Amino acid sequence: MFKLTVTPRFGDVDGLRHVNNTVIPEWFEMGRNPIFRIFTPDLDLTPEKWRLIMARTEFDFLGEMYFDGDVEIRTYIARLGNSSFTIGHEAWQRGELKAKGKAVIVHYDFMEKKSLPIPPEIRTRLEEHLIEEH
């Protein structure tokens, strides 16, 4: 599991003094970078090197988050398939789970326009962060 601490910015807060729902996907996106580095260590986004494409994202908002406390973003592998995998995300503030989400990512060749099997050495590294959900 990867962990990232985010300090809410003033502009992340809405009129109800909550962290706005549009901010959570950005925080979860930042949490995916260590997983992206498993595939492309230098995060080179050229089509010849980048091998990941987003297939789906979803979010559940479980409680309000506020400006006056850091948020811990937890990121892990929830499912590992042949050519795709699901990333699990959680946002915790003051010891409570406030939001959770998933992102389905496909190992993809942009030049050939087709999915690719996840290489064994990368699969092994992803398995280190596998926390299967029930």
N, C-alpha and C. Protein backbone atom coordinates (compact mmCIF):
# COMPACT_ATOMS: atom_id res chain seq x y z
N MET A 1 0.84 -1.18 0.00
CA MET A 1 0.00 0.00 0.00
C MET A 1 0.89 1.24 0.00
N PHE A 2 0.48 2.20 -0.79
CA PHE A 2 1.18 3.47 -0.84
C PHE A 2 0.37 4.49 -0.05
N LYS A 3 1.07 5.40 0.65
CA LYS A 3 0.39 6.44 1.43
C LYS A 3 0.95 7.79 1.05
N LEU A 4 0.06 8.76 0.95
CA LEU A 4 0.40 10.13 0.60
C LEU A 4 -0.39 11.06 1.52
N THR A 5 0.28 12.01 2.14
CA THR A 5 -0.41 12.99 2.98
C THR A 5 -0.65 14.25 2.17
N VAL A 6 -1.91 14.68 2.16
CA VAL A 6 -2.32 15.88 1.44
C VAL A 6 -2.83 16.90 2.46
N THR A 7 -2.37 18.13 2.34
CA THR A 7 -2.88 19.21 3.17
C THR A 7 -3.87 20.01 2.32
N PRO A 8 -5.16 20.02 2.71
CA PRO A 8 -6.13 20.77 1.91
C PRO A 8 -5.73 22.24 1.77
N ARG A 9 -5.92 22.76 0.57
CA ARG A 9 -5.66 24.16 0.29
C ARG A 9 -6.96 24.96 0.50
N PHE A 10 -6.82 26.24 0.71
CA PHE A 10 -7.99 27.10 0.89
C PHE A 10 -8.96 26.94 -0.28
N GLY A 11 -8.43 26.87 -1.50
CA GLY A 11 -9.27 26.75 -2.69
C GLY A 11 -9.91 25.38 -2.87
N ASP A 12 -9.55 24.40 -2.03
CA ASP A 12 -10.15 23.07 -2.10
C ASP A 12 -11.49 23.01 -1.37
N VAL A 13 -11.84 24.08 -0.67
CA VAL A 13 -13.02 24.09 0.19
C VAL A 13 -14.17 24.78 -0.53
N ASP A 14 -15.38 24.23 -0.36
CA ASP A 14 -16.55 24.82 -1.00
C ASP A 14 -17.32 25.72 -0.03
N GLY A 15 -18.48 26.20 -0.46
CA GLY A 15 -19.28 27.13 0.32
C GLY A 15 -19.81 26.55 1.63
N LEU A 16 -19.84 25.23 1.76
CA LEU A 16 -20.29 24.59 3.00
C LEU A 16 -19.11 24.28 3.94
N ARG A 17 -17.92 24.76 3.57
CA ARG A 17 -16.70 24.57 4.33
C ARG A 17 -16.19 23.13 4.32
N HIS A 18 -16.63 22.35 3.33
CA HIS A 18 -16.15 20.98 3.14
C HIS A 18 -15.11 20.97 2.03
N VAL A 19 -14.22 19.98 2.05
CA VAL A 19 -13.36 19.75 0.90
C VAL A 19 -14.30 19.39 -0.25
N ASN A 20 -14.19 20.10 -1.36
CA ASN A 20 -15.10 19.93 -2.48
C ASN A 20 -14.93 18.55 -3.12
N ASN A 21 -16.04 18.00 -3.60
CA ASN A 21 -16.02 16.66 -4.20
C ASN A 21 -15.16 16.59 -5.46
N THR A 22 -14.87 17.71 -6.09
CA THR A 22 -14.03 17.69 -7.30
C THR A 22 -12.55 17.51 -6.98
N VAL A 23 -12.16 17.69 -5.71
CA VAL A 23 -10.77 17.60 -5.30
C VAL A 23 -10.34 16.14 -5.11
N ILE A 24 -11.24 15.31 -4.64
CA ILE A 24 -10.90 13.92 -4.32
C ILE A 24 -10.32 13.18 -5.53
N PRO A 25 -10.91 13.28 -6.73
CA PRO A 25 -10.30 12.59 -7.87
C PRO A 25 -8.86 13.05 -8.15
N GLU A 26 -8.56 14.31 -7.91
CA GLU A 26 -7.19 14.81 -8.10
C GLU A 26 -6.25 14.18 -7.08
N TRP A 27 -6.69 14.09 -5.83
CA TRP A 27 -5.84 13.49 -4.80
C TRP A 27 -5.62 12.01 -5.09
N PHE A 28 -6.67 11.31 -5.54
CA PHE A 28 -6.51 9.90 -5.88
C PHE A 28 -5.58 9.74 -7.08
N GLU A 29 -5.65 10.67 -8.01
CA GLU A 29 -4.75 10.62 -9.17
C GLU A 29 -3.29 10.74 -8.71
N MET A 30 -3.01 11.65 -7.78
CA MET A 30 -1.65 11.78 -7.24
C MET A 30 -1.21 10.49 -6.57
N GLY A 31 -2.14 9.82 -5.92
CA GLY A 31 -1.83 8.56 -5.25
C GLY A 31 -1.47 7.44 -6.20
N ARG A 32 -1.86 7.55 -7.47
CA ARG A 32 -1.54 6.51 -8.45
C ARG A 32 -0.11 6.59 -8.98
N ASN A 33 0.57 7.71 -8.81
CA ASN A 33 1.90 7.88 -9.40
C ASN A 33 2.89 6.77 -9.02
N PRO A 34 2.95 6.32 -7.76
CA PRO A 34 3.91 5.23 -7.47
C PRO A 34 3.61 3.95 -8.26
N ILE A 35 2.36 3.70 -8.54
CA ILE A 35 2.00 2.52 -9.34
C ILE A 35 2.38 2.76 -10.80
N PHE A 36 2.15 3.96 -11.29
CA PHE A 36 2.56 4.29 -12.66
C PHE A 36 4.06 4.11 -12.82
N ARG A 37 4.84 4.46 -11.79
CA ARG A 37 6.29 4.34 -11.86
C ARG A 37 6.75 2.88 -11.95
N ILE A 38 5.95 1.95 -11.50
CA ILE A 38 6.29 0.53 -11.66
C ILE A 38 6.37 0.19 -13.15
N PHE A 39 5.50 0.79 -13.94
CA PHE A 39 5.48 0.55 -15.38
C PHE A 39 6.47 1.44 -16.13
N THR A 40 6.50 2.72 -15.76
CA THR A 40 7.35 3.71 -16.44
C THR A 40 8.04 4.55 -15.37
N PRO A 41 9.23 4.12 -14.92
CA PRO A 41 9.89 4.78 -13.80
C PRO A 41 10.08 6.29 -13.96
N ASP A 42 10.33 6.77 -15.18
CA ASP A 42 10.54 8.21 -15.37
C ASP A 42 9.25 8.95 -15.73
N LEU A 43 8.13 8.26 -15.72
CA LEU A 43 6.81 8.83 -16.06
C LEU A 43 6.82 9.50 -17.43
N ASP A 44 7.60 8.97 -18.36
CA ASP A 44 7.65 9.48 -19.72
C ASP A 44 6.32 9.19 -20.41
N LEU A 45 5.60 10.24 -20.80
CA LEU A 45 4.26 10.11 -21.37
C LEU A 45 4.23 9.96 -22.88
N THR A 46 5.36 9.71 -23.50
CA THR A 46 5.34 9.51 -24.95
C THR A 46 4.64 8.20 -25.28
N PRO A 47 3.90 8.15 -26.40
CA PRO A 47 3.15 6.94 -26.75
C PRO A 47 4.03 5.70 -26.92
N GLU A 48 5.29 5.91 -27.22
CA GLU A 48 6.19 4.77 -27.38
C GLU A 48 6.55 4.13 -26.04
N LYS A 49 6.50 4.90 -24.95
CA LYS A 49 6.91 4.40 -23.64
C LYS A 49 5.75 4.19 -22.67
N TRP A 50 4.76 5.06 -22.71
CA TRP A 50 3.65 4.99 -21.74
C TRP A 50 2.75 3.82 -22.12
N ARG A 51 2.41 2.97 -21.15
CA ARG A 51 1.68 1.74 -21.43
C ARG A 51 0.40 1.59 -20.60
N LEU A 52 -0.17 2.68 -20.14
CA LEU A 52 -1.37 2.57 -19.31
C LEU A 52 -2.47 3.49 -19.82
N ILE A 53 -3.70 2.98 -19.79
CA ILE A 53 -4.84 3.78 -20.17
C ILE A 53 -5.96 3.54 -19.16
N MET A 54 -6.65 4.60 -18.79
CA MET A 54 -7.74 4.53 -17.82
C MET A 54 -8.99 3.98 -18.51
N ALA A 55 -9.61 2.98 -17.88
CA ALA A 55 -10.84 2.42 -18.42
C ALA A 55 -12.06 2.84 -17.60
N ARG A 56 -11.86 3.10 -16.30
CA ARG A 56 -13.01 3.43 -15.45
C ARG A 56 -12.52 4.04 -14.14
N THR A 57 -13.30 4.96 -13.61
CA THR A 57 -13.09 5.44 -12.25
C THR A 57 -14.44 5.55 -11.56
N GLU A 58 -14.41 5.42 -10.25
CA GLU A 58 -15.63 5.59 -9.45
C GLU A 58 -15.23 6.06 -8.05
N PHE A 59 -16.14 6.78 -7.41
CA PHE A 59 -15.87 7.35 -6.09
C PHE A 59 -17.12 7.24 -5.22
N ASP A 60 -16.90 7.00 -3.94
CA ASP A 60 -17.97 7.04 -2.94
C ASP A 60 -17.53 8.03 -1.87
N PHE A 61 -18.41 8.98 -1.56
CA PHE A 61 -18.14 9.96 -0.54
C PHE A 61 -18.85 9.51 0.73
N LEU A 62 -18.08 9.26 1.78
CA LEU A 62 -18.62 8.63 2.99
C LEU A 62 -18.78 9.61 4.15
N GLY A 63 -18.12 10.74 4.10
CA GLY A 63 -18.20 11.73 5.17
C GLY A 63 -17.52 13.00 4.74
N GLU A 64 -17.82 14.07 5.45
CA GLU A 64 -17.24 15.36 5.11
C GLU A 64 -15.78 15.44 5.53
N MET A 65 -15.00 16.10 4.69
CA MET A 65 -13.62 16.43 5.02
C MET A 65 -13.53 17.94 5.13
N TYR A 66 -12.62 18.41 5.97
CA TYR A 66 -12.54 19.83 6.25
C TYR A 66 -11.14 20.37 5.98
N PHE A 67 -11.06 21.67 5.91
CA PHE A 67 -9.83 22.41 5.61
C PHE A 67 -8.75 22.23 6.67
N ASP A 68 -9.15 22.07 7.92
CA ASP A 68 -8.21 22.15 9.04
C ASP A 68 -7.58 20.82 9.46
N GLY A 69 -7.37 19.91 8.51
CA GLY A 69 -6.71 18.66 8.87
C GLY A 69 -6.16 17.95 7.64
N ASP A 70 -4.96 17.41 7.77
CA ASP A 70 -4.37 16.66 6.68
C ASP A 70 -5.22 15.44 6.33
N VAL A 71 -5.09 15.00 5.08
CA VAL A 71 -5.82 13.84 4.57
C VAL A 71 -4.78 12.83 4.10
N GLU A 72 -4.93 11.60 4.54
CA GLU A 72 -4.04 10.53 4.09
C GLU A 72 -4.72 9.78 2.94
N ILE A 73 -4.04 9.74 1.81
CA ILE A 73 -4.52 9.00 0.64
C ILE A 73 -3.81 7.65 0.64
N ARG A 74 -4.58 6.59 0.66
CA ARG A 74 -4.04 5.23 0.62
C ARG A 74 -4.37 4.63 -0.74
N THR A 75 -3.37 4.05 -1.37
CA THR A 75 -3.52 3.51 -2.72
C THR A 75 -2.96 2.10 -2.75
N TYR A 76 -3.70 1.19 -3.36
CA TYR A 76 -3.29 -0.21 -3.38
C TYR A 76 -3.88 -0.89 -4.62
N ILE A 77 -3.45 -2.11 -4.88
CA ILE A 77 -4.00 -2.91 -5.97
C ILE A 77 -5.16 -3.72 -5.39
N ALA A 78 -6.34 -3.56 -5.97
CA ALA A 78 -7.52 -4.28 -5.49
C ALA A 78 -7.81 -5.54 -6.32
N ARG A 79 -7.38 -5.55 -7.56
CA ARG A 79 -7.59 -6.70 -8.44
C ARG A 79 -6.50 -6.68 -9.50
N LEU A 80 -6.05 -7.87 -9.86
CA LEU A 80 -4.99 -7.99 -10.86
C LEU A 80 -5.42 -9.01 -11.90
N GLY A 81 -5.66 -8.53 -13.12
CA GLY A 81 -6.07 -9.41 -14.22
C GLY A 81 -4.92 -9.67 -15.16
N ASN A 82 -5.24 -10.18 -16.34
CA ASN A 82 -4.22 -10.50 -17.33
C ASN A 82 -3.61 -9.24 -17.94
N SER A 83 -4.47 -8.32 -18.38
CA SER A 83 -3.97 -7.09 -19.00
C SER A 83 -4.49 -5.83 -18.30
N SER A 84 -5.31 -6.00 -17.28
CA SER A 84 -5.84 -4.85 -16.55
C SER A 84 -5.71 -5.09 -15.05
N PHE A 85 -5.84 -4.00 -14.31
CA PHE A 85 -5.82 -4.10 -12.85
C PHE A 85 -6.67 -2.97 -12.28
N THR A 86 -7.13 -3.18 -11.07
CA THR A 86 -7.94 -2.19 -10.39
C THR A 86 -7.15 -1.63 -9.22
N ILE A 87 -7.09 -0.32 -9.18
CA ILE A 87 -6.44 0.40 -8.08
C ILE A 87 -7.53 0.81 -7.09
N GLY A 88 -7.30 0.54 -5.83
CA GLY A 88 -8.19 1.00 -4.77
C GLY A 88 -7.62 2.26 -4.14
N HIS A 89 -8.52 3.17 -3.79
CA HIS A 89 -8.13 4.44 -3.17
C HIS A 89 -8.96 4.66 -1.92
N GLU A 90 -8.35 5.25 -0.92
CA GLU A 90 -9.06 5.66 0.29
C GLU A 90 -8.54 7.02 0.73
N ALA A 91 -9.43 7.85 1.24
CA ALA A 91 -9.06 9.15 1.82
C ALA A 91 -9.46 9.13 3.29
N TRP A 92 -8.49 9.31 4.16
CA TRP A 92 -8.70 9.27 5.61
C TRP A 92 -8.38 10.63 6.22
N GLN A 93 -9.27 11.11 7.09
CA GLN A 93 -9.00 12.34 7.84
C GLN A 93 -9.36 12.10 9.30
N ARG A 94 -8.44 12.43 10.18
CA ARG A 94 -8.62 12.23 11.63
C ARG A 94 -9.00 10.79 11.97
N GLY A 95 -8.37 9.83 11.29
CA GLY A 95 -8.59 8.42 11.59
C GLY A 95 -9.88 7.84 11.05
N GLU A 96 -10.60 8.57 10.22
CA GLU A 96 -11.87 8.09 9.67
C GLU A 96 -11.81 8.05 8.15
N LEU A 97 -12.37 6.97 7.58
CA LEU A 97 -12.46 6.84 6.14
C LEU A 97 -13.54 7.80 5.64
N LYS A 98 -13.14 8.74 4.77
CA LYS A 98 -14.06 9.78 4.31
C LYS A 98 -14.47 9.61 2.85
N ALA A 99 -13.64 8.96 2.05
CA ALA A 99 -13.97 8.71 0.64
C ALA A 99 -13.19 7.49 0.19
N LYS A 100 -13.77 6.78 -0.77
CA LYS A 100 -13.06 5.65 -1.36
C LYS A 100 -13.38 5.61 -2.84
N GLY A 101 -12.53 4.94 -3.58
CA GLY A 101 -12.75 4.87 -5.02
C GLY A 101 -11.93 3.76 -5.65
N LYS A 102 -12.19 3.58 -6.93
CA LYS A 102 -11.47 2.58 -7.72
C LYS A 102 -11.14 3.17 -9.07
N ALA A 103 -10.07 2.68 -9.65
CA ALA A 103 -9.70 3.05 -11.02
C ALA A 103 -9.26 1.77 -11.72
N VAL A 104 -9.85 1.50 -12.86
CA VAL A 104 -9.46 0.34 -13.67
C VAL A 104 -8.49 0.84 -14.73
N ILE A 105 -7.31 0.23 -14.75
CA ILE A 105 -6.25 0.62 -15.67
C ILE A 105 -5.92 -0.57 -16.57
N VAL A 106 -5.71 -0.30 -17.85
CA VAL A 106 -5.36 -1.35 -18.81
C VAL A 106 -3.93 -1.13 -19.27
N HIS A 107 -3.17 -2.22 -19.29
CA HIS A 107 -1.82 -2.19 -19.88
C HIS A 107 -2.03 -2.16 -21.39
N TYR A 108 -1.55 -1.10 -22.05
CA TYR A 108 -2.01 -0.79 -23.40
C TYR A 108 -0.87 -0.31 -24.27
N ASP A 109 -0.89 -0.72 -25.52
CA ASP A 109 0.07 -0.27 -26.52
C ASP A 109 -0.61 0.79 -27.39
N PHE A 110 -0.21 2.05 -27.22
CA PHE A 110 -0.83 3.15 -27.96
C PHE A 110 -0.50 3.12 -29.44
N MET A 111 0.64 2.55 -29.79
CA MET A 111 1.01 2.50 -31.21
C MET A 111 0.19 1.44 -31.96
N GLU A 112 -0.03 0.31 -31.30
CA GLU A 112 -0.80 -0.80 -31.91
C GLU A 112 -2.29 -0.72 -31.60
N LYS A 113 -2.67 0.15 -30.65
CA LYS A 113 -4.07 0.33 -30.25
C LYS A 113 -4.68 -0.97 -29.72
N LYS A 114 -3.94 -1.63 -28.79
CA LYS A 114 -4.47 -2.88 -28.23
C LYS A 114 -3.90 -3.09 -26.83
N SER A 115 -4.64 -3.85 -26.03
CA SER A 115 -4.18 -4.17 -24.69
C SER A 115 -3.06 -5.20 -24.76
N LEU A 116 -2.25 -5.21 -23.72
CA LEU A 116 -1.11 -6.11 -23.63
C LEU A 116 -1.16 -6.85 -22.29
N PRO A 117 -0.69 -8.10 -22.25
CA PRO A 117 -0.57 -8.76 -20.95
C PRO A 117 0.42 -8.00 -20.06
N ILE A 118 0.15 -7.99 -18.78
CA ILE A 118 1.06 -7.36 -17.82
C ILE A 118 2.30 -8.26 -17.71
N PRO A 119 3.50 -7.71 -17.94
CA PRO A 119 4.71 -8.53 -17.87
C PRO A 119 4.91 -9.15 -16.48
N PRO A 120 5.48 -10.35 -16.43
CA PRO A 120 5.66 -11.05 -15.14
C PRO A 120 6.40 -10.24 -14.08
N GLU A 121 7.46 -9.51 -14.47
CA GLU A 121 8.22 -8.75 -13.47
C GLU A 121 7.39 -7.59 -12.89
N ILE A 122 6.54 -7.00 -13.71
CA ILE A 122 5.65 -5.93 -13.22
C ILE A 122 4.54 -6.53 -12.38
N ARG A 123 3.98 -7.65 -12.80
CA ARG A 123 2.94 -8.34 -12.04
C ARG A 123 3.43 -8.65 -10.62
N THR A 124 4.66 -9.12 -10.51
CA THR A 124 5.24 -9.44 -9.19
C THR A 124 5.29 -8.20 -8.31
N ARG A 125 5.67 -7.08 -8.88
CA ARG A 125 5.73 -5.83 -8.09
C ARG A 125 4.35 -5.34 -7.71
N LEU A 126 3.37 -5.50 -8.60
CA LEU A 126 1.99 -5.12 -8.27
C LEU A 126 1.42 -6.00 -7.17
N GLU A 127 1.75 -7.28 -7.21
CA GLU A 127 1.24 -8.23 -6.20
C GLU A 127 1.68 -7.83 -4.79
N GLU A 128 2.81 -7.14 -4.67
CA GLU A 128 3.29 -6.68 -3.36
C GLU A 128 2.31 -5.70 -2.72
N HIS A 129 1.47 -5.08 -3.53
CA HIS A 129 0.52 -4.07 -3.04
C HIS A 129 -0.93 -4.51 -3.18
N LEU A 130 -1.12 -5.82 -3.39
CA LEU A 130 -2.46 -6.38 -3.59
C LEU A 130 -3.17 -6.55 -2.25
N ILE A 131 -4.31 -5.90 -2.15
CA ILE A 131 -5.21 -6.05 -1.01
C ILE A 131 -6.57 -6.34 -1.61
N GLU A 132 -6.93 -7.61 -1.70
CA GLU A 132 -8.19 -7.97 -2.34
C GLU A 132 -9.36 -7.51 -1.50
N GLU A 133 -10.32 -6.91 -2.19
CA GLU A 133 -11.53 -6.42 -1.50
C GLU A 133 -12.60 -7.49 -1.56
N HIS A 134 -13.46 -7.46 -0.58
CA HIS A 134 -14.54 -8.46 -0.51
C HIS A 134 -15.87 -7.86 -0.94
